[in-house]
N, C-alpha and C. Protein backbone atom coordinates (compact mmCIF):
# COMPACT_ATOMS: atom_id res chain seq x y z
N MET A 1 115.63 77.49 90.29
CA MET A 1 115.38 78.72 91.00
C MET A 1 116.61 78.71 92.28
N THR A 2 117.01 79.76 92.33
CA THR A 2 117.73 79.87 93.35
C THR A 2 117.04 80.36 94.59
N SER A 3 117.72 79.91 96.01
CA SER A 3 116.71 80.08 97.25
C SER A 3 116.97 81.21 97.58
N VAL A 4 116.61 81.44 98.50
CA VAL A 4 116.59 83.37 98.91
C VAL A 4 117.44 83.07 100.02
N ALA A 5 118.40 81.99 100.55
CA ALA A 5 119.21 82.41 101.42
C ALA A 5 120.73 82.79 100.51
N SER A 6 120.42 81.68 99.17
CA SER A 6 121.72 82.15 98.39
C SER A 6 121.69 83.49 97.40
N GLU A 7 120.36 83.85 97.37
CA GLU A 7 120.54 85.52 97.18
C GLU A 7 120.95 86.49 98.21
N LEU A 8 120.37 86.09 99.41
CA LEU A 8 120.67 87.09 100.41
C LEU A 8 122.40 87.19 100.55
N ARG A 9 123.00 85.93 100.57
CA ARG A 9 124.12 86.13 100.75
C ARG A 9 125.11 86.41 99.60
N LYS A 10 124.51 87.13 98.70
CA LYS A 10 125.26 87.85 97.60
C LYS A 10 124.71 89.39 97.68
N ARG A 11 124.44 90.18 99.05
CA ARG A 11 124.21 91.51 98.80
C ARG A 11 125.34 92.29 98.89
N THR A 12 125.55 93.52 98.54
CA THR A 12 126.27 94.48 98.71
C THR A 12 126.08 95.91 98.76
N TRP A 13 126.75 96.75 99.30
CA TRP A 13 126.25 98.05 99.83
C TRP A 13 127.43 98.90 99.43
N THR A 14 127.50 100.05 99.34
CA THR A 14 128.75 100.58 98.83
C THR A 14 128.46 102.04 99.18
N LYS A 15 129.51 103.14 99.96
CA LYS A 15 129.01 104.15 100.21
C LYS A 15 130.60 104.97 100.32
N GLY A 16 130.78 105.40 99.31
CA GLY A 16 132.30 105.99 99.16
C GLY A 16 133.39 105.01 99.17
N ALA A 17 134.38 104.82 99.99
CA ALA A 17 135.49 104.18 100.02
C ALA A 17 134.94 102.74 101.09
N TYR A 18 133.64 102.64 101.50
CA TYR A 18 133.18 101.68 102.47
C TYR A 18 132.03 100.92 101.95
N PHE A 19 132.15 99.65 102.00
CA PHE A 19 131.83 98.37 101.35
C PHE A 19 131.18 97.35 102.50
N ILE A 20 129.95 96.90 102.29
CA ILE A 20 129.24 96.13 103.06
C ILE A 20 128.59 95.20 102.40
N SER A 21 129.22 93.72 102.81
CA SER A 21 128.82 92.65 101.80
C SER A 21 128.05 91.49 102.59
N THR A 22 127.33 90.51 102.04
CA THR A 22 126.76 89.62 102.86
C THR A 22 127.64 88.32 102.69
N ASP A 23 128.91 88.33 102.20
CA ASP A 23 129.58 87.14 101.72
C ASP A 23 130.37 87.04 102.78
N ALA A 24 130.14 85.54 103.66
CA ALA A 24 130.98 85.55 104.66
C ALA A 24 132.08 84.99 104.58
N SER A 25 132.38 84.65 103.50
CA SER A 25 133.93 84.22 102.83
C SER A 25 135.09 85.43 102.69
N LEU A 26 134.16 87.00 102.88
CA LEU A 26 135.13 87.97 103.00
C LEU A 26 135.85 87.96 104.53
N VAL A 27 135.16 87.74 105.56
CA VAL A 27 135.08 87.88 106.91
C VAL A 27 136.63 87.38 107.05
N PRO A 28 137.43 87.90 107.64
CA PRO A 28 139.04 87.47 108.21
C PRO A 28 138.52 87.23 108.94
N VAL A 29 138.77 85.46 109.47
CA VAL A 29 138.38 84.71 111.01
C VAL A 29 139.42 85.01 111.88
N PRO A 30 140.68 85.14 111.39
CA PRO A 30 141.65 85.75 112.70
C PRO A 30 141.60 86.98 113.37
N GLN A 31 141.11 88.25 112.49
CA GLN A 31 140.99 89.24 112.60
C GLN A 31 139.17 89.37 113.56
N LEU A 32 138.56 88.65 113.10
CA LEU A 32 136.91 88.32 113.88
C LEU A 32 137.11 87.74 115.01
N ASN A 33 138.17 86.64 115.06
CA ASN A 33 138.45 86.24 116.71
C ASN A 33 139.01 87.19 117.48
N ASP A 34 139.99 87.86 117.01
CA ASP A 34 140.78 89.10 117.58
C ASP A 34 139.46 89.92 117.97
N MET A 35 138.49 90.41 117.63
CA MET A 35 137.56 91.15 118.08
C MET A 35 136.54 90.81 119.05
N PHE A 36 136.62 88.94 118.82
CA PHE A 36 135.60 88.80 120.01
C PHE A 36 136.11 88.40 121.13
N ASP A 37 138.04 88.64 121.43
CA ASP A 37 138.53 88.50 122.71
C ASP A 37 138.79 89.87 123.21
N SER A 38 138.26 90.88 122.28
CA SER A 38 138.62 92.20 122.84
C SER A 38 137.69 92.67 123.76
N GLU A 39 137.92 93.73 124.84
CA GLU A 39 137.11 94.26 125.92
C GLU A 39 136.00 94.66 125.01
N GLN A 40 135.81 95.40 124.15
CA GLN A 40 134.80 96.05 123.36
C GLN A 40 133.37 94.76 122.96
N PHE A 41 134.23 93.38 122.76
CA PHE A 41 132.98 92.74 122.64
C PHE A 41 132.73 91.87 123.93
N TYR A 42 132.12 92.14 124.82
CA TYR A 42 132.03 91.81 126.23
C TYR A 42 130.75 90.78 126.28
N TRP A 43 130.18 90.32 125.64
CA TRP A 43 129.26 89.38 125.31
C TRP A 43 129.59 87.99 124.86
N GLY A 44 130.72 88.00 124.44
CA GLY A 44 131.11 86.69 123.60
C GLY A 44 132.49 86.48 123.84
N LYS A 45 133.31 85.30 123.38
CA LYS A 45 134.34 85.43 123.44
C LYS A 45 135.17 84.41 122.11
N ALA A 46 136.31 84.65 121.48
CA ALA A 46 136.86 83.88 120.63
C ALA A 46 136.61 82.27 120.31
N LEU A 47 136.55 81.61 119.28
CA LEU A 47 136.39 80.57 119.09
C LEU A 47 137.53 79.66 118.20
N PRO A 48 137.49 78.63 118.40
CA PRO A 48 138.49 78.08 117.40
C PRO A 48 138.02 78.06 115.94
N ASP A 49 139.03 78.60 115.07
CA ASP A 49 138.89 79.24 113.73
C ASP A 49 138.06 78.10 113.04
N ASP A 50 137.89 76.92 112.82
CA ASP A 50 137.19 76.33 112.21
C ASP A 50 135.44 76.51 112.67
N ALA A 51 135.35 76.42 114.06
CA ALA A 51 134.04 76.73 114.73
C ALA A 51 133.72 77.90 114.28
N MET A 52 134.36 79.28 114.43
CA MET A 52 134.30 80.47 113.69
C MET A 52 133.79 80.70 112.23
N ARG A 53 134.35 79.97 111.40
CA ARG A 53 134.12 79.82 110.19
C ARG A 53 132.75 79.01 109.81
N GLU A 54 132.29 78.40 110.71
CA GLU A 54 131.12 77.61 110.78
C GLU A 54 129.88 78.32 111.01
N MET A 55 130.57 79.26 112.14
CA MET A 55 129.17 79.75 112.57
C MET A 55 129.12 81.02 111.48
N LEU A 56 129.83 81.61 110.79
CA LEU A 56 129.44 82.56 109.70
C LEU A 56 128.97 81.97 108.79
N ASP A 57 129.37 80.64 108.32
CA ASP A 57 128.69 79.99 107.00
C ASP A 57 127.26 79.94 107.42
N ASN A 58 126.85 79.63 108.79
CA ASN A 58 125.58 79.10 108.89
C ASN A 58 124.36 80.30 109.40
N SER A 59 125.12 81.82 109.29
CA SER A 59 124.16 82.98 109.36
C SER A 59 124.08 83.52 108.35
N LEU A 60 123.68 84.77 108.16
CA LEU A 60 123.35 85.74 107.66
C LEU A 60 124.24 87.14 107.73
N VAL A 61 125.49 87.21 107.31
CA VAL A 61 126.51 87.97 107.79
C VAL A 61 126.66 89.43 107.12
N PHE A 62 126.96 90.30 107.88
CA PHE A 62 126.88 91.52 106.76
C PHE A 62 128.56 92.30 107.47
N GLY A 63 129.09 91.92 106.62
CA GLY A 63 130.79 92.37 107.13
C GLY A 63 130.90 94.02 106.55
N LEU A 64 131.37 94.87 107.09
CA LEU A 64 131.85 96.00 106.65
C LEU A 64 133.48 96.40 106.68
N TYR A 65 133.55 96.99 105.79
CA TYR A 65 135.00 96.81 105.41
C TYR A 65 135.46 98.23 104.71
N GLU A 66 136.71 98.93 104.62
CA GLU A 66 136.96 99.72 103.53
C GLU A 66 137.58 99.51 102.76
N ARG A 67 137.70 99.83 101.48
CA ARG A 67 137.86 99.76 100.09
C ARG A 67 139.07 100.25 99.75
N ASP A 68 140.27 99.67 99.49
CA ASP A 68 141.38 100.16 98.84
C ASP A 68 141.46 101.26 97.76
N VAL A 69 140.65 101.83 97.27
CA VAL A 69 139.74 102.74 96.27
C VAL A 69 139.41 104.26 96.38
N GLU A 70 139.73 104.98 95.64
CA GLU A 70 139.20 106.40 95.87
C GLU A 70 137.65 106.25 95.27
N ALA A 71 136.75 106.75 95.72
CA ALA A 71 135.58 106.24 95.45
C ALA A 71 134.48 107.67 95.70
N GLY A 72 133.78 108.10 95.29
CA GLY A 72 132.61 109.20 95.47
C GLY A 72 132.16 109.00 96.94
N ASP A 73 130.99 109.83 97.02
CA ASP A 73 130.30 109.86 98.18
C ASP A 73 128.64 109.05 98.08
N THR A 74 128.88 108.27 96.81
CA THR A 74 127.55 107.66 96.43
C THR A 74 127.01 106.50 97.50
N VAL A 75 125.99 106.48 97.66
CA VAL A 75 125.35 104.71 98.23
C VAL A 75 124.52 103.82 97.38
N THR A 76 125.16 103.08 96.99
CA THR A 76 124.48 101.88 96.17
C THR A 76 123.83 100.50 97.04
N SER A 77 123.10 99.59 96.24
CA SER A 77 122.87 98.77 97.04
C SER A 77 122.77 97.68 95.91
N SER A 78 123.03 96.66 95.90
CA SER A 78 123.12 95.34 94.70
C SER A 78 123.01 94.20 95.38
N ALA A 79 122.06 93.34 94.40
CA ALA A 79 122.01 92.25 94.54
C ALA A 79 123.06 91.30 93.85
N ALA A 80 123.77 91.93 92.98
CA ALA A 80 124.62 91.04 92.16
C ALA A 80 125.86 91.12 92.99
N ARG A 81 126.73 89.72 92.67
CA ARG A 81 128.09 89.50 93.67
C ARG A 81 129.30 90.31 92.94
N ASP A 82 129.51 91.77 93.35
CA ASP A 82 130.43 92.11 92.79
C ASP A 82 131.66 92.65 94.33
N SER A 83 131.92 91.18 94.62
CA SER A 83 132.70 91.70 95.96
C SER A 83 134.24 92.08 95.10
N PRO A 84 134.60 92.81 96.09
CA PRO A 84 136.40 93.37 95.52
C PRO A 84 137.33 91.94 96.08
N ASP A 85 138.21 92.33 95.34
CA ASP A 85 139.48 90.85 96.19
C ASP A 85 139.53 91.33 97.75
N LYS A 86 139.30 89.76 98.27
CA LYS A 86 139.76 90.05 99.62
C LYS A 86 141.18 90.90 100.16
N SER A 87 141.90 91.12 99.83
CA SER A 87 143.18 91.92 99.89
C SER A 87 142.84 93.50 99.62
N ALA A 88 141.94 93.40 98.83
CA ALA A 88 141.43 95.09 98.60
C ALA A 88 140.69 95.52 99.96
N LEU A 89 140.10 94.87 100.99
CA LEU A 89 138.90 95.26 102.01
C LEU A 89 140.07 95.47 103.33
N THR A 90 139.64 96.43 103.68
CA THR A 90 140.01 96.33 105.57
C THR A 90 139.24 96.30 106.20
N PHE A 91 138.94 94.95 107.13
CA PHE A 91 137.97 94.87 108.01
C PHE A 91 137.32 95.77 109.44
N LEU A 92 136.32 96.33 109.11
CA LEU A 92 135.77 97.33 110.29
C LEU A 92 134.77 96.93 111.03
N GLY A 93 133.66 95.86 110.58
CA GLY A 93 132.64 95.75 111.60
C GLY A 93 131.92 94.73 111.26
N LEU A 94 130.83 94.01 111.98
CA LEU A 94 130.08 93.27 111.74
C LEU A 94 128.82 93.19 112.02
N ALA A 95 127.70 92.84 111.44
CA ALA A 95 126.56 92.29 112.17
C ALA A 95 125.90 91.02 111.61
N ARG A 96 125.69 90.13 112.64
CA ARG A 96 125.48 88.63 112.16
C ARG A 96 123.58 88.77 112.54
N CYS A 97 123.35 87.76 111.40
CA CYS A 97 121.72 87.37 111.57
C CYS A 97 121.83 85.87 111.87
N VAL A 98 121.28 85.41 112.96
CA VAL A 98 121.06 83.97 112.78
C VAL A 98 119.41 84.12 112.68
N THR A 99 119.18 83.46 110.93
CA THR A 99 117.93 83.29 110.49
C THR A 99 117.44 81.77 109.85
N ASP A 100 116.25 81.75 110.07
CA ASP A 100 116.16 80.32 108.95
C ASP A 100 115.57 80.99 107.29
N PHE A 101 115.70 82.41 107.34
CA PHE A 101 115.59 83.12 106.14
C PHE A 101 113.98 83.36 105.45
N THR A 102 113.23 82.69 106.27
CA THR A 102 111.84 82.90 106.21
C THR A 102 111.00 83.56 107.41
N THR A 103 110.78 83.02 108.28
CA THR A 103 110.14 83.68 109.20
C THR A 103 110.73 84.02 110.67
N LEU A 104 112.12 84.09 110.94
CA LEU A 104 112.75 84.84 111.98
C LEU A 104 114.26 85.31 111.61
N ILE A 105 114.61 86.50 112.11
CA ILE A 105 115.82 86.80 111.85
C ILE A 105 116.35 87.03 113.32
N TYR A 106 117.24 86.68 114.21
CA TYR A 106 117.92 87.26 115.51
C TYR A 106 119.04 87.75 115.22
N LEU A 107 118.98 89.35 115.24
CA LEU A 107 120.41 90.13 115.08
C LEU A 107 121.36 89.93 116.27
N THR A 108 122.37 89.52 116.23
CA THR A 108 123.64 89.24 117.10
C THR A 108 124.81 89.89 116.67
N ASP A 109 125.80 89.94 117.59
CA ASP A 109 127.35 90.34 117.27
C ASP A 109 127.46 91.52 116.46
N VAL A 110 126.71 92.76 116.81
CA VAL A 110 126.75 94.04 116.22
C VAL A 110 128.30 94.56 116.95
N TRP A 111 128.94 94.70 115.78
CA TRP A 111 129.99 95.64 116.27
C TRP A 111 130.75 96.21 115.31
N VAL A 112 131.56 97.52 115.44
CA VAL A 112 132.05 98.35 114.73
C VAL A 112 133.34 98.73 115.64
N GLY A 113 134.32 98.65 114.89
CA GLY A 113 135.73 98.89 115.97
C GLY A 113 135.78 100.56 116.13
N SER A 114 136.27 100.35 116.89
CA SER A 114 136.53 101.65 117.61
C SER A 114 137.09 102.62 116.97
N GLU A 115 137.90 102.50 116.17
CA GLU A 115 138.88 103.69 115.68
C GLU A 115 137.86 104.24 114.13
N THR A 116 136.68 103.55 114.00
CA THR A 116 135.97 103.60 112.90
C THR A 116 134.72 104.64 113.34
N ARG A 117 134.17 104.19 114.81
CA ARG A 117 132.99 104.70 115.50
C ARG A 117 132.93 106.44 115.12
N GLY A 118 131.80 106.86 115.02
CA GLY A 118 131.71 108.48 114.76
C GLY A 118 131.49 108.64 113.31
N LYS A 119 131.46 107.94 112.57
CA LYS A 119 131.59 108.03 111.12
C LYS A 119 130.24 107.59 110.36
N GLY A 120 128.92 107.12 111.01
CA GLY A 120 127.80 106.91 110.84
C GLY A 120 127.54 105.57 109.92
N LEU A 121 128.78 104.77 110.35
CA LEU A 121 129.05 103.43 109.74
C LEU A 121 128.31 102.45 110.21
N GLY A 122 127.97 102.54 111.96
CA GLY A 122 127.28 101.39 112.51
C GLY A 122 125.87 101.84 112.02
N LYS A 123 125.35 102.91 112.08
CA LYS A 123 123.55 103.39 111.39
C LYS A 123 124.09 102.78 109.98
N TRP A 124 124.64 102.81 109.23
CA TRP A 124 124.70 102.63 107.92
C TRP A 124 124.36 100.96 107.80
N LEU A 125 125.54 100.29 108.62
CA LEU A 125 125.41 98.92 108.63
C LEU A 125 123.83 98.30 109.37
N ILE A 126 123.46 99.20 110.31
CA ILE A 126 122.24 98.52 110.46
C ILE A 126 121.03 98.56 109.33
N LYS A 127 121.58 100.20 108.86
CA LYS A 127 119.89 100.25 107.70
C LYS A 127 120.13 98.98 106.69
N CYS A 128 120.89 98.72 106.56
CA CYS A 128 121.87 97.62 105.51
C CYS A 128 120.67 96.31 106.06
N VAL A 129 120.76 96.11 107.67
CA VAL A 129 120.32 94.58 107.75
C VAL A 129 118.66 94.92 107.89
N GLN A 130 118.34 96.33 108.02
CA GLN A 130 116.72 96.48 108.26
C GLN A 130 116.29 96.63 106.81
N GLU A 131 117.16 96.61 105.86
CA GLU A 131 116.67 96.77 104.43
C GLU A 131 116.43 95.64 104.20
N VAL A 132 116.88 94.20 104.33
CA VAL A 132 117.06 92.91 104.46
C VAL A 132 115.49 92.55 105.04
N VAL A 133 115.54 92.89 106.13
CA VAL A 133 114.41 92.66 106.97
C VAL A 133 113.12 92.68 106.41
N ASN A 134 113.27 94.06 106.01
CA ASN A 134 111.85 94.76 105.32
C ASN A 134 111.28 94.10 104.40
N GLU A 135 112.64 93.25 103.70
CA GLU A 135 112.22 92.57 102.30
C GLU A 135 111.36 90.99 102.61
N GLN A 136 111.27 90.62 103.76
CA GLN A 136 111.14 89.21 103.97
C GLN A 136 109.54 89.10 104.02
N PRO A 137 108.90 88.52 103.09
CA PRO A 137 107.38 88.73 103.13
C PRO A 137 106.75 87.85 104.29
N HIS A 138 107.54 86.90 104.72
CA HIS A 138 106.91 85.95 105.44
C HIS A 138 107.62 86.40 106.82
N LEU A 139 108.39 86.90 107.22
CA LEU A 139 108.96 87.09 108.55
C LEU A 139 107.87 87.42 109.86
N ARG A 140 108.04 86.76 110.48
CA ARG A 140 107.24 86.53 111.80
C ARG A 140 107.89 87.66 113.30
N ARG A 141 109.24 87.76 113.26
CA ARG A 141 109.70 88.25 113.85
C ARG A 141 111.09 88.92 113.28
N SER A 142 111.71 89.74 114.20
CA SER A 142 112.94 90.31 113.92
C SER A 142 113.31 90.44 115.61
N MET A 143 114.64 90.17 115.97
CA MET A 143 114.53 90.21 117.58
C MET A 143 116.12 90.40 118.20
N LEU A 144 116.61 90.77 119.26
CA LEU A 144 117.79 91.24 119.24
C LEU A 144 117.66 90.62 120.80
N PHE A 145 119.14 90.78 121.64
CA PHE A 145 119.39 91.37 122.89
C PHE A 145 120.19 92.21 123.41
N THR A 146 120.16 92.90 123.95
CA THR A 146 120.98 94.01 124.51
C THR A 146 121.08 94.47 126.06
N GLY A 147 122.06 94.65 126.64
CA GLY A 147 122.19 95.06 127.85
C GLY A 147 122.67 96.65 128.33
N ASP A 148 122.55 97.46 127.13
CA ASP A 148 122.78 98.56 126.83
C ASP A 148 121.52 99.32 126.64
N TRP A 149 121.28 99.74 127.61
CA TRP A 149 119.59 100.47 127.81
C TRP A 149 119.78 102.03 127.38
N GLU A 150 121.08 102.35 127.59
CA GLU A 150 121.16 103.83 127.10
C GLU A 150 121.40 104.28 125.93
N ARG A 151 122.05 103.54 125.05
CA ARG A 151 122.36 103.31 124.03
C ARG A 151 121.79 102.94 123.17
N SER A 152 121.81 101.33 122.93
CA SER A 152 121.28 100.45 122.35
C SER A 152 119.72 100.35 121.90
N VAL A 153 119.09 100.27 123.10
CA VAL A 153 117.55 100.52 122.72
C VAL A 153 117.20 101.79 122.26
N PRO A 154 117.44 102.79 122.30
CA PRO A 154 117.41 103.94 121.30
C PRO A 154 117.68 103.81 120.06
N PHE A 155 118.64 103.27 119.52
CA PHE A 155 119.55 102.74 118.89
C PHE A 155 118.67 101.99 117.79
N TYR A 156 118.51 100.68 118.22
CA TYR A 156 117.65 99.90 117.54
C TYR A 156 116.24 100.24 117.28
N ARG A 157 115.35 101.29 118.38
CA ARG A 157 114.38 101.42 118.03
C ARG A 157 114.11 102.72 117.14
N GLU A 158 115.11 103.25 116.62
CA GLU A 158 115.11 104.39 115.93
C GLU A 158 115.15 103.65 114.44
N LEU A 159 116.09 102.68 114.36
CA LEU A 159 116.79 102.18 113.01
C LEU A 159 116.30 101.36 112.42
N MET A 160 115.48 100.43 113.48
CA MET A 160 114.91 99.20 113.02
C MET A 160 113.51 98.98 113.52
N GLY A 161 112.79 100.33 114.22
CA GLY A 161 111.28 100.00 114.63
C GLY A 161 111.50 98.78 115.64
N MET A 162 112.12 98.66 116.42
CA MET A 162 111.88 97.65 117.30
C MET A 162 111.63 98.09 118.92
N GLU A 163 111.27 97.26 119.53
CA GLU A 163 110.37 97.87 120.75
C GLU A 163 110.86 96.68 121.98
N VAL A 164 110.94 97.19 123.31
CA VAL A 164 111.36 96.36 124.19
C VAL A 164 109.94 95.39 124.45
N VAL A 165 110.20 94.24 124.71
CA VAL A 165 109.14 93.22 125.04
C VAL A 165 108.58 93.63 126.50
N LYS A 166 107.67 93.53 126.71
CA LYS A 166 107.20 93.93 128.37
C LYS A 166 107.15 92.62 128.65
N PHE A 167 107.86 92.40 130.33
CA PHE A 167 107.62 91.20 130.79
C PHE A 167 106.92 91.31 131.96
N ARG A 168 105.73 90.66 132.21
CA ARG A 168 104.78 90.73 133.23
C ARG A 168 104.62 89.25 133.31
N GLN A 169 104.70 88.61 134.42
CA GLN A 169 104.34 87.01 134.53
C GLN A 169 102.89 86.76 133.80
N GLY A 170 102.85 85.94 133.22
CA GLY A 170 101.60 85.27 132.58
C GLY A 170 100.93 86.05 131.48
N GLU A 171 101.73 87.04 131.00
CA GLU A 171 101.34 87.99 130.07
C GLU A 171 102.09 88.14 128.79
N GLY A 172 101.73 87.77 127.37
CA GLY A 172 102.72 88.03 126.57
C GLY A 172 103.53 87.26 126.36
N LEU A 173 104.95 87.19 125.97
CA LEU A 173 105.79 86.77 125.54
C LEU A 173 106.71 86.57 126.54
N ALA A 174 107.59 85.55 126.70
CA ALA A 174 108.52 85.53 128.12
C ALA A 174 109.59 85.06 127.47
N MET A 175 111.18 85.81 127.31
CA MET A 175 111.95 85.78 126.60
C MET A 175 112.61 85.21 128.03
N MET A 176 113.19 83.78 127.24
CA MET A 176 113.87 82.85 128.31
C MET A 176 115.58 82.58 127.70
N GLU A 177 116.19 82.34 128.52
CA GLU A 177 117.73 81.55 128.14
C GLU A 177 118.30 80.66 129.03
N LYS A 178 119.13 80.04 128.38
CA LYS A 178 120.21 79.34 129.44
C LYS A 178 121.57 79.45 128.77
N ARG A 179 122.40 79.75 129.84
CA ARG A 179 124.01 80.14 129.21
C ARG A 179 124.49 78.91 128.89
N GLY A 180 125.06 79.04 127.63
CA GLY A 180 126.28 77.96 127.43
C GLY A 180 127.78 78.10 127.53
N PRO A 181 128.58 77.20 127.50
CA PRO A 181 129.96 77.19 127.74
C PRO A 181 130.59 78.52 126.68
N GLY A 182 130.05 78.80 125.81
CA GLY A 182 130.51 79.87 125.35
C GLY A 182 130.01 81.36 125.66
N HIS A 183 129.16 81.22 126.39
CA HIS A 183 129.02 82.55 127.31
C HIS A 183 129.88 82.95 128.46
N PRO A 184 130.49 84.31 128.27
CA PRO A 184 131.66 84.85 129.15
C PRO A 184 131.29 84.73 130.64
N ARG A 185 129.75 84.35 131.01
CA ARG A 185 129.69 84.29 132.69
C ARG A 185 128.88 83.00 132.69
N PHE A 186 129.50 82.01 131.71
CA PHE A 186 128.88 80.68 132.01
C PHE A 186 129.24 80.07 133.21
N VAL A 187 128.49 79.37 133.83
CA VAL A 187 128.84 78.52 135.44
C VAL A 187 128.60 77.13 135.36
N LYS A 188 129.23 76.49 135.16
CA LYS A 188 128.84 74.94 135.08
C LYS A 188 127.99 74.48 136.21
N GLU A 189 126.76 73.77 135.90
CA GLU A 189 126.30 73.36 136.56
C GLU A 189 126.53 72.07 137.33
N GLU A 190 126.45 71.98 139.03
CA GLU A 190 127.25 70.88 139.75
C GLU A 190 125.92 69.56 139.05
N SER A 191 126.89 68.38 139.27
CA SER A 191 125.67 67.31 138.71
C SER A 191 125.90 66.55 140.09
N GLY A 192 124.72 66.42 140.10
CA GLY A 192 124.29 65.65 141.61
C GLY A 192 123.70 64.71 141.99
């Protein structure tokens, strides 16, 4: 029997010349690190190549690419591994899910290159993520963090049905964090 994780890591979608795959091995680590180092990616920073590859391998990654082929405007989804050759792909964007593949999906590192924006590819990328979210029969929660109240909150509300968690001391859920050295605004604690 094949595991849910291995099946989800074989998903593909095509839309004309564009291609989305959950095959993390297709993501070009040097290009991804360049993206992590860019001003567009304000919530993180580049990692050593081996750490970046391990991060990708331990996540459910949705890579967005343009294929070197002429294609119609059809949209397809497939569970089969029909990934094209890496050399035929131009890396355009990413959405990464930290997940146990059963009960929790944490969406992070959603990015589409500025030269590609305005073509509906970001919406398509998130719709592909949501397709996978909707297929999880034991899912307790999908979640994300965003600091962009003007664009991202309405975007994820519309495409994923997400709602802002209301915070009131002593009621409901409390979202908590402790920043680590990989956070761009990490401050090392004084030992005393």
